[in-house]
Each structure stands twice: as structure tokens, then as C-alpha cells.
């Protein structure tokens, strides 16, 4: 199955729009605003399906020096930790046996299981990214991980910028 991820740059709270293979909107990632004191370093995204039902959540955890995200769906959960160094980006999963290989700074990567089976792979497209998911049972958690990586700001010389 293929999903196409496009960043939404409109003034609305939607950060990403995800389309299926036929070009129909399947999910949207919406920034959740808090009624309480807003922490500028905290990110909360709710993932809505085409029926406007929340099907998954991404929460950034306040850990100094890394980007740590809690990924939750109805039937799975994991933590993704993204460490940025001067010339590289490394990702670690906690809560499952997956790891990420490829060029994360260029957003060209694969999510691999412990037995080296490919869970999903993301490739650049003209107007966004193509996410190929091998098993539909891993669709949402793979999408959440890809969205976290796509939130990393990079520039042409691959230097990591502050978000």
C-alpha cells in the first residue's frame, strides 16, 4: 500500500495531509492547541481519518538534547527518539523491535524489523513523500514515525536547523 505525504503550509492548524494511491485524502495531521500554558518546544499532533475521527496521536516528550515522540494508535504504541548531530541524524525506537536505515536528513529511509524485513520505505516525490507500507497492520505506526522524521527541518547542505 502507498500513502503520499504532503506538508500543509496553509494558515490552518493542519501540518500534513496524507493521500491514498487514488489521490483521495486519507488522513490529516492537525496541531493540537492547549488551553493551558503553551510550551514552544512541545508538539502535539492528532491524526484524523477521512471521517474526522482521531485515529492516532503524536506527542513530543520534553527531553533535553533529543527529539522524543510518543506514538499511539488504538492497538499499538512506541517511542521514537531522534538524535541530531552535526552531520547526521539517528533514530531509535522503544516499544518495538524496529530500526531506521537510510538517509534520514534527506527523508529517504526505510523502517526495518528485527528480522530485517522492510516495514515501510519513504521516498521523495515532486510535491511531498511517498510512503510504501508492506503490511496494512503497520500502517498507522509507520505513518506516525514518518511524520516525526518529516518534521525535522533540514537545508540543502544537510545541516540541521532549530525547529
N, C-alpha and C. Protein backbone atom coordinates (compact mmCIF):
# COMPACT_ATOMS: atom_id res chain seq x y z
N UNK A 1 0.84 -1.16 0.00
CA UNK A 1 0.00 0.00 0.00
C UNK A 1 0.89 1.23 0.00
N UNK A 2 0.43 2.27 -0.67
CA UNK A 2 1.18 3.51 -0.75
C UNK A 2 0.37 4.65 -0.17
N UNK A 3 1.06 5.50 0.56
CA UNK A 3 0.49 6.75 1.04
C UNK A 3 1.38 7.88 0.56
N UNK A 4 0.79 9.03 0.30
CA UNK A 4 1.53 10.19 -0.15
C UNK A 4 1.37 11.29 0.89
N UNK A 5 2.50 11.76 1.41
CA UNK A 5 2.52 12.75 2.49
C UNK A 5 2.88 14.10 1.90
N UNK A 6 2.04 15.08 2.18
CA UNK A 6 2.31 16.44 1.73
C UNK A 6 2.19 17.37 2.93
N UNK A 7 3.15 18.25 3.05
CA UNK A 7 3.13 19.25 4.11
C UNK A 7 2.09 20.31 3.76
N UNK A 8 1.28 20.70 4.73
CA UNK A 8 0.26 21.73 4.53
C UNK A 8 0.81 23.05 5.04
N UNK A 9 0.98 24.01 4.16
CA UNK A 9 1.54 25.31 4.54
C UNK A 9 0.47 26.39 4.65
N UNK A 10 -0.78 26.00 4.67
CA UNK A 10 -1.87 26.96 4.83
C UNK A 10 -1.87 27.48 6.27
N UNK A 11 -2.57 28.58 6.53
CA UNK A 11 -2.61 29.11 7.89
C UNK A 11 -3.42 28.26 8.87
N UNK A 12 -4.05 27.20 8.39
CA UNK A 12 -4.82 26.32 9.28
C UNK A 12 -3.87 25.53 10.18
N UNK A 13 -4.44 24.80 11.15
CA UNK A 13 -3.64 24.02 12.08
C UNK A 13 -3.19 22.68 11.50
N UNK A 14 -3.59 22.36 10.29
CA UNK A 14 -3.19 21.10 9.67
C UNK A 14 -1.73 21.19 9.23
N UNK A 15 -0.92 20.23 9.67
CA UNK A 15 0.51 20.23 9.35
C UNK A 15 0.81 19.36 8.13
N UNK A 16 0.14 18.21 8.03
CA UNK A 16 0.35 17.28 6.94
C UNK A 16 -0.99 16.77 6.45
N UNK A 17 -1.07 16.51 5.15
CA UNK A 17 -2.22 15.84 4.56
C UNK A 17 -1.69 14.58 3.90
N UNK A 18 -2.35 13.44 4.16
CA UNK A 18 -1.90 12.15 3.65
C UNK A 18 -2.96 11.63 2.70
N UNK A 19 -2.53 11.26 1.50
CA UNK A 19 -3.42 10.78 0.45
C UNK A 19 -3.16 9.31 0.18
N UNK A 20 -4.19 8.61 -0.32
CA UNK A 20 -4.01 7.22 -0.74
C UNK A 20 -3.53 7.19 -2.19
N UNK A 21 -3.44 5.99 -2.74
CA UNK A 21 -2.93 5.81 -4.11
C UNK A 21 -3.81 6.45 -5.17
N UNK A 22 -5.09 6.64 -4.86
CA UNK A 22 -6.01 7.24 -5.83
C UNK A 22 -6.07 8.76 -5.71
N UNK A 23 -5.30 9.33 -4.79
CA UNK A 23 -5.30 10.78 -4.61
C UNK A 23 -6.37 11.29 -3.67
N UNK A 24 -7.06 10.38 -2.99
CA UNK A 24 -8.10 10.77 -2.04
C UNK A 24 -7.46 11.01 -0.67
N UNK A 25 -7.89 12.08 0.00
CA UNK A 25 -7.36 12.36 1.33
C UNK A 25 -7.76 11.26 2.29
N UNK A 26 -6.75 10.66 2.95
CA UNK A 26 -6.99 9.55 3.86
C UNK A 26 -6.82 9.97 5.32
N UNK A 27 -5.79 10.76 5.59
CA UNK A 27 -5.51 11.24 6.94
C UNK A 27 -5.09 12.70 6.88
N UNK A 28 -5.21 13.37 8.02
CA UNK A 28 -4.64 14.70 8.18
C UNK A 28 -4.04 14.79 9.58
N UNK A 29 -2.88 15.42 9.67
CA UNK A 29 -2.20 15.62 10.95
C UNK A 29 -2.42 17.06 11.38
N UNK A 30 -3.11 17.22 12.49
CA UNK A 30 -3.53 18.55 12.94
C UNK A 30 -2.85 18.87 14.26
N UNK A 31 -2.26 20.06 14.32
CA UNK A 31 -1.61 20.55 15.53
C UNK A 31 -2.67 20.79 16.59
N UNK A 32 -2.48 20.19 17.75
CA UNK A 32 -3.45 20.35 18.83
C UNK A 32 -3.02 21.50 19.71
N UNK A 33 -3.91 22.44 19.91
CA UNK A 33 -3.63 23.59 20.76
C UNK A 33 -4.14 23.32 22.16
N UNK A 34 -3.35 23.74 23.13
CA UNK A 34 -3.70 23.53 24.52
C UNK A 34 -4.35 24.78 25.10
N UNK A 35 -5.27 24.60 26.01
CA UNK A 35 -5.88 25.73 26.69
C UNK A 35 -4.97 26.24 27.80
N UNK A 36 -3.98 25.42 28.17
CA UNK A 36 -3.07 25.77 29.25
C UNK A 36 -1.87 26.53 28.69
N UNK A 37 -0.90 26.79 29.52
CA UNK A 37 0.31 27.48 29.09
C UNK A 37 0.94 26.72 27.94
N UNK A 38 1.25 27.42 26.87
CA UNK A 38 1.80 26.78 25.67
C UNK A 38 3.31 26.69 25.81
N UNK A 39 3.81 25.48 25.68
CA UNK A 39 5.25 25.25 25.68
C UNK A 39 5.71 25.27 24.23
N UNK A 40 6.58 26.19 23.88
CA UNK A 40 7.01 26.35 22.50
C UNK A 40 7.80 25.15 21.99
N UNK A 41 8.37 24.34 22.88
CA UNK A 41 9.16 23.18 22.46
C UNK A 41 8.34 21.90 22.39
N UNK A 42 7.08 21.97 22.70
CA UNK A 42 6.23 20.79 22.72
C UNK A 42 5.35 20.75 21.48
N UNK A 43 5.24 19.57 20.89
CA UNK A 43 4.39 19.37 19.72
C UNK A 43 3.37 18.29 20.04
N UNK A 44 2.11 18.56 19.73
CA UNK A 44 1.05 17.58 19.88
C UNK A 44 0.28 17.55 18.56
N UNK A 45 0.27 16.39 17.92
CA UNK A 45 -0.46 16.22 16.67
C UNK A 45 -1.51 15.14 16.86
N UNK A 46 -2.71 15.41 16.38
CA UNK A 46 -3.76 14.40 16.30
C UNK A 46 -3.90 14.01 14.84
N UNK A 47 -4.00 12.71 14.57
CA UNK A 47 -4.16 12.22 13.22
C UNK A 47 -5.63 11.86 13.03
N UNK A 48 -6.27 12.51 12.07
CA UNK A 48 -7.67 12.30 11.78
C UNK A 48 -7.80 11.49 10.50
N UNK A 49 -8.80 10.61 10.46
CA UNK A 49 -9.08 9.88 9.22
C UNK A 49 -10.06 10.70 8.38
N UNK A 50 -10.52 10.11 7.27
CA UNK A 50 -11.40 10.86 6.36
C UNK A 50 -12.77 11.16 6.98
N UNK A 51 -13.11 10.49 8.08
CA UNK A 51 -14.38 10.74 8.77
C UNK A 51 -14.21 11.71 9.93
N UNK A 52 -13.04 12.34 10.04
CA UNK A 52 -12.71 13.32 11.08
C UNK A 52 -12.72 12.71 12.47
N UNK A 53 -12.31 11.45 12.55
CA UNK A 53 -12.16 10.75 13.82
C UNK A 53 -10.68 10.65 14.15
N UNK A 54 -10.30 10.91 15.39
CA UNK A 54 -8.90 10.79 15.80
C UNK A 54 -8.54 9.30 15.84
N UNK A 55 -7.53 8.92 15.04
CA UNK A 55 -7.12 7.52 14.97
C UNK A 55 -5.72 7.29 15.55
N UNK A 56 -4.97 8.37 15.76
CA UNK A 56 -3.62 8.25 16.30
C UNK A 56 -3.18 9.59 16.87
N UNK A 57 -2.13 9.55 17.71
CA UNK A 57 -1.61 10.76 18.33
C UNK A 57 -0.09 10.72 18.36
N UNK A 58 0.49 11.89 18.16
CA UNK A 58 1.94 12.08 18.32
C UNK A 58 2.11 13.14 19.40
N UNK A 59 2.92 12.82 20.40
CA UNK A 59 3.22 13.77 21.46
C UNK A 59 4.73 13.86 21.61
N UNK A 60 5.26 15.08 21.57
CA UNK A 60 6.68 15.25 21.80
C UNK A 60 6.92 15.26 23.30
N UNK A 61 7.89 14.48 23.74
CA UNK A 61 8.21 14.40 25.15
C UNK A 61 9.32 15.40 25.47
N UNK A 62 9.24 16.11 26.59
CA UNK A 62 10.24 17.14 26.91
C UNK A 62 11.54 16.55 27.46
N UNK A 63 12.41 16.13 26.56
CA UNK A 63 13.72 15.59 26.93
C UNK A 63 14.78 16.47 26.28
N UNK A 64 15.70 16.96 27.06
CA UNK A 64 16.71 17.89 26.57
C UNK A 64 17.72 17.16 25.69
N UNK A 65 18.05 17.76 24.54
CA UNK A 65 19.11 17.24 23.69
C UNK A 65 18.65 16.31 22.59
N UNK A 66 17.42 15.82 22.67
CA UNK A 66 16.89 14.92 21.64
C UNK A 66 15.44 15.30 21.35
N UNK A 67 14.93 14.81 20.25
CA UNK A 67 13.51 14.91 19.94
C UNK A 67 12.93 13.53 20.26
N UNK A 68 12.08 13.47 21.23
CA UNK A 68 11.48 12.21 21.64
C UNK A 68 9.97 12.29 21.46
N UNK A 69 9.42 11.33 20.72
CA UNK A 69 8.00 11.35 20.39
C UNK A 69 7.31 10.09 20.88
N UNK A 70 6.16 10.27 21.48
CA UNK A 70 5.29 9.16 21.85
C UNK A 70 4.30 8.97 20.70
N UNK A 71 4.25 7.76 20.15
CA UNK A 71 3.37 7.41 19.03
C UNK A 71 2.31 6.46 19.53
N UNK A 72 1.04 6.83 19.39
CA UNK A 72 -0.04 5.99 19.91
C UNK A 72 -1.14 5.82 18.89
N UNK A 73 -1.57 4.57 18.71
CA UNK A 73 -2.75 4.24 17.94
C UNK A 73 -3.66 3.44 18.86
N UNK A 74 -4.79 2.99 18.34
CA UNK A 74 -5.71 2.21 19.16
C UNK A 74 -5.10 0.88 19.62
N UNK A 75 -4.24 0.28 18.79
CA UNK A 75 -3.72 -1.05 19.14
C UNK A 75 -2.21 -1.13 19.19
N UNK A 76 -1.49 -0.01 19.16
CA UNK A 76 -0.04 -0.06 19.31
C UNK A 76 0.49 1.26 19.83
N UNK A 77 1.68 1.18 20.41
CA UNK A 77 2.34 2.37 20.92
C UNK A 77 3.84 2.15 20.84
N UNK A 78 4.57 3.24 20.66
CA UNK A 78 6.03 3.18 20.62
C UNK A 78 6.56 4.56 20.93
N UNK A 79 7.84 4.62 21.22
CA UNK A 79 8.52 5.89 21.40
C UNK A 79 9.62 5.97 20.36
N UNK A 80 9.70 7.10 19.68
CA UNK A 80 10.73 7.33 18.68
C UNK A 80 11.62 8.46 19.18
N UNK A 81 12.92 8.18 19.29
CA UNK A 81 13.88 9.18 19.73
C UNK A 81 14.76 9.54 18.54
N UNK A 82 14.83 10.84 18.24
CA UNK A 82 15.62 11.34 17.11
C UNK A 82 16.74 12.19 17.67
N UNK A 83 17.98 11.77 17.37
CA UNK A 83 19.16 12.49 17.84
C UNK A 83 19.83 13.15 16.64
N UNK A 84 20.03 14.45 16.72
CA UNK A 84 20.66 15.17 15.63
C UNK A 84 22.07 15.56 16.04
N UNK A 85 23.02 15.23 15.17
CA UNK A 85 24.41 15.62 15.37
C UNK A 85 24.77 16.58 14.25
N UNK A 86 26.00 17.00 14.21
CA UNK A 86 26.42 17.99 13.22
C UNK A 86 26.22 17.52 11.79
N UNK A 87 26.54 16.26 11.51
CA UNK A 87 26.46 15.75 10.14
C UNK A 87 25.53 14.55 9.98
N UNK A 88 24.78 14.20 11.00
CA UNK A 88 23.93 13.02 10.87
C UNK A 88 22.70 13.12 11.76
N UNK A 89 21.76 12.26 11.47
CA UNK A 89 20.55 12.12 12.27
C UNK A 89 20.38 10.63 12.55
N UNK A 90 20.15 10.27 13.81
CA UNK A 90 19.94 8.88 14.18
C UNK A 90 18.59 8.74 14.85
N UNK A 91 17.93 7.61 14.61
CA UNK A 91 16.62 7.34 15.19
C UNK A 91 16.64 6.01 15.92
N UNK A 92 15.95 5.97 17.05
CA UNK A 92 15.83 4.75 17.83
C UNK A 92 14.37 4.56 18.24
N UNK A 93 13.87 3.34 18.08
CA UNK A 93 12.53 3.00 18.55
C UNK A 93 12.62 2.33 19.90
N UNK A 94 11.65 2.61 20.74
CA UNK A 94 11.48 1.91 22.01
C UNK A 94 10.03 1.47 22.06
N UNK A 95 9.79 0.22 22.40
CA UNK A 95 8.43 -0.30 22.42
C UNK A 95 8.17 -1.29 21.30
N UNK A 96 9.09 -1.38 20.35
CA UNK A 96 9.05 -2.41 19.33
C UNK A 96 10.48 -2.69 18.86
N UNK A 97 10.64 -3.63 17.97
CA UNK A 97 11.98 -4.06 17.53
C UNK A 97 12.39 -3.45 16.20
N UNK A 98 11.89 -2.30 15.87
CA UNK A 98 12.19 -1.67 14.59
C UNK A 98 13.42 -0.79 14.69
N UNK A 99 14.03 -0.54 13.54
CA UNK A 99 15.08 0.46 13.43
C UNK A 99 14.98 1.12 12.06
N UNK A 100 15.62 2.25 11.91
CA UNK A 100 15.52 3.03 10.67
C UNK A 100 16.89 3.09 10.01
N UNK A 101 16.90 2.80 8.70
CA UNK A 101 18.14 2.91 7.93
C UNK A 101 17.89 3.85 6.76
N UNK A 102 18.95 4.37 6.22
CA UNK A 102 18.84 5.27 5.07
C UNK A 102 19.30 6.66 5.44
N UNK A 103 19.01 7.60 4.58
CA UNK A 103 19.41 8.98 4.78
C UNK A 103 18.25 9.76 5.38
N UNK A 104 18.25 9.86 6.68
CA UNK A 104 17.14 10.48 7.40
C UNK A 104 17.08 11.98 7.12
N UNK A 105 18.23 12.64 7.01
CA UNK A 105 18.25 14.08 6.74
C UNK A 105 17.64 14.41 5.39
N UNK A 106 17.78 13.50 4.41
CA UNK A 106 17.18 13.70 3.09
C UNK A 106 15.76 13.13 3.01
N UNK A 107 15.28 12.56 4.11
CA UNK A 107 13.93 11.99 4.19
C UNK A 107 13.77 10.77 3.26
N UNK A 108 14.87 10.07 3.00
CA UNK A 108 14.87 8.83 2.20
C UNK A 108 15.30 7.71 3.15
N UNK A 109 14.35 6.93 3.65
CA UNK A 109 14.68 5.95 4.67
C UNK A 109 13.74 4.75 4.59
N UNK A 110 14.12 3.70 5.32
CA UNK A 110 13.29 2.51 5.47
C UNK A 110 13.18 2.16 6.94
N UNK A 111 12.02 1.68 7.34
CA UNK A 111 11.83 1.17 8.69
C UNK A 111 11.93 -0.35 8.58
N UNK A 112 12.84 -0.93 9.37
CA UNK A 112 13.19 -2.34 9.27
C UNK A 112 12.85 -3.03 10.59
N UNK A 113 12.32 -4.25 10.49
CA UNK A 113 12.03 -5.07 11.67
C UNK A 113 13.30 -5.77 12.12
N UNK A 114 13.25 -6.42 13.27
CA UNK A 114 14.42 -7.10 13.83
C UNK A 114 14.90 -8.24 12.92
N UNK A 115 14.01 -8.83 12.12
CA UNK A 115 14.41 -9.90 11.21
C UNK A 115 14.80 -9.38 9.83
N UNK A 116 15.09 -8.08 9.74
CA UNK A 116 15.49 -7.38 8.51
C UNK A 116 14.39 -7.30 7.46
N UNK A 117 13.15 -7.55 7.84
CA UNK A 117 12.03 -7.37 6.92
C UNK A 117 11.69 -5.88 6.86
N UNK A 118 11.40 -5.40 5.67
CA UNK A 118 11.06 -3.99 5.49
C UNK A 118 9.62 -3.76 5.94
N UNK A 119 9.43 -2.87 6.88
CA UNK A 119 8.10 -2.49 7.35
C UNK A 119 7.53 -1.44 6.40
N UNK A 120 8.31 -0.39 6.13
CA UNK A 120 7.90 0.67 5.22
C UNK A 120 9.14 1.38 4.69
N UNK A 121 8.94 2.10 3.59
CA UNK A 121 10.03 2.87 2.99
C UNK A 121 9.46 4.19 2.48
N UNK A 122 10.21 5.27 2.72
CA UNK A 122 9.78 6.58 2.26
C UNK A 122 10.75 7.09 1.20
N UNK A 123 10.19 7.68 0.13
CA UNK A 123 10.97 8.24 -0.97
C UNK A 123 10.42 9.62 -1.30
N UNK A 124 11.31 10.49 -1.79
CA UNK A 124 10.88 11.83 -2.19
C UNK A 124 10.06 11.77 -3.46
N UNK A 125 9.05 12.61 -3.52
CA UNK A 125 8.25 12.85 -4.71
C UNK A 125 8.32 14.33 -5.02
N UNK A 126 7.77 14.75 -6.14
CA UNK A 126 7.82 16.16 -6.52
C UNK A 126 7.19 17.07 -5.49
N UNK A 127 6.03 16.70 -4.98
CA UNK A 127 5.30 17.60 -4.07
C UNK A 127 5.17 17.04 -2.66
N UNK A 128 6.01 16.09 -2.31
CA UNK A 128 5.93 15.51 -0.98
C UNK A 128 6.74 14.23 -0.89
N UNK A 129 6.18 13.24 -0.20
CA UNK A 129 6.88 11.98 0.02
C UNK A 129 5.94 10.81 -0.23
N UNK A 130 6.49 9.73 -0.74
CA UNK A 130 5.74 8.51 -0.95
C UNK A 130 6.16 7.52 0.14
N UNK A 131 5.19 7.01 0.86
CA UNK A 131 5.44 6.03 1.92
C UNK A 131 4.84 4.70 1.49
N UNK A 132 5.70 3.71 1.26
CA UNK A 132 5.26 2.38 0.85
C UNK A 132 5.26 1.50 2.09
N UNK A 133 4.08 0.97 2.43
CA UNK A 133 3.92 0.16 3.64
C UNK A 133 3.62 -1.27 3.22
N UNK A 134 4.40 -2.22 3.72
CA UNK A 134 4.28 -3.62 3.30
C UNK A 134 3.06 -4.33 3.88
N UNK A 135 2.70 -4.01 5.13
CA UNK A 135 1.60 -4.71 5.81
C UNK A 135 0.64 -3.67 6.37
N UNK A 136 -0.63 -3.79 6.06
CA UNK A 136 -1.61 -2.79 6.49
C UNK A 136 -1.75 -2.71 8.01
N UNK A 137 -1.35 -3.76 8.74
CA UNK A 137 -1.43 -3.70 10.20
C UNK A 137 -0.42 -2.72 10.79
N UNK A 138 0.61 -2.37 10.03
CA UNK A 138 1.63 -1.41 10.47
C UNK A 138 1.42 -0.02 9.87
N UNK A 139 0.27 0.20 9.23
CA UNK A 139 0.04 1.44 8.50
C UNK A 139 0.17 2.68 9.38
N UNK A 140 -0.58 2.75 10.45
CA UNK A 140 -0.61 3.96 11.26
C UNK A 140 0.69 4.22 12.00
N UNK A 141 1.28 3.20 12.60
CA UNK A 141 2.52 3.42 13.35
C UNK A 141 3.67 3.79 12.42
N UNK A 142 3.68 3.22 11.20
CA UNK A 142 4.68 3.62 10.19
C UNK A 142 4.47 5.05 9.75
N UNK A 143 3.22 5.43 9.57
CA UNK A 143 2.90 6.80 9.18
C UNK A 143 3.32 7.78 10.27
N UNK A 144 3.07 7.45 11.53
CA UNK A 144 3.45 8.33 12.63
C UNK A 144 4.96 8.53 12.68
N UNK A 145 5.71 7.46 12.51
CA UNK A 145 7.17 7.57 12.51
C UNK A 145 7.65 8.44 11.35
N UNK A 146 7.06 8.25 10.17
CA UNK A 146 7.43 9.06 9.01
C UNK A 146 7.11 10.54 9.24
N UNK A 147 5.98 10.82 9.86
CA UNK A 147 5.62 12.22 10.13
C UNK A 147 6.61 12.86 11.10
N UNK A 148 7.05 12.12 12.11
CA UNK A 148 8.04 12.66 13.04
C UNK A 148 9.34 13.01 12.32
N UNK A 149 9.78 12.12 11.45
CA UNK A 149 11.01 12.39 10.70
C UNK A 149 10.81 13.54 9.74
N UNK A 150 9.63 13.64 9.14
CA UNK A 150 9.37 14.75 8.22
C UNK A 150 9.26 16.10 8.93
N UNK A 151 9.12 16.11 10.24
CA UNK A 151 9.09 17.36 10.98
C UNK A 151 10.48 17.92 11.23
N UNK A 152 11.52 17.14 10.96
CA UNK A 152 12.89 17.62 11.13
C UNK A 152 13.17 18.63 10.03
N UNK A 153 13.60 19.82 10.42
CA UNK A 153 13.95 20.84 9.43
C UNK A 153 15.39 20.64 8.98
N UNK A 154 15.58 20.49 7.68
CA UNK A 154 16.92 20.39 7.12
C UNK A 154 17.04 21.39 5.98
N UNK A 155 18.26 21.68 5.61
CA UNK A 155 18.51 22.57 4.48
C UNK A 155 19.33 21.83 3.44
N UNK A 156 19.61 22.47 2.32
CA UNK A 156 20.29 21.79 1.23
C UNK A 156 21.66 21.25 1.59
N UNK A 157 22.37 21.88 2.51
CA UNK A 157 23.69 21.38 2.86
C UNK A 157 23.64 20.35 3.99
N UNK A 158 22.46 19.88 4.29
CA UNK A 158 22.21 18.83 5.28
C UNK A 158 22.55 19.23 6.71
N UNK A 159 22.72 20.49 6.98
CA UNK A 159 22.92 20.94 8.35
C UNK A 159 21.55 20.96 9.02
N UNK A 160 21.52 20.60 10.26
CA UNK A 160 20.25 20.55 10.98
C UNK A 160 19.96 21.93 11.57
N UNK A 161 18.76 22.43 11.33
CA UNK A 161 18.36 23.72 11.87
C UNK A 161 17.48 23.52 13.08
N UNK A 162 17.40 24.53 13.89
CA UNK A 162 16.45 24.51 15.00
C UNK A 162 15.06 24.66 14.43
N UNK A 163 14.12 23.94 14.99
CA UNK A 163 12.74 23.99 14.51
C UNK A 163 12.10 25.28 14.94
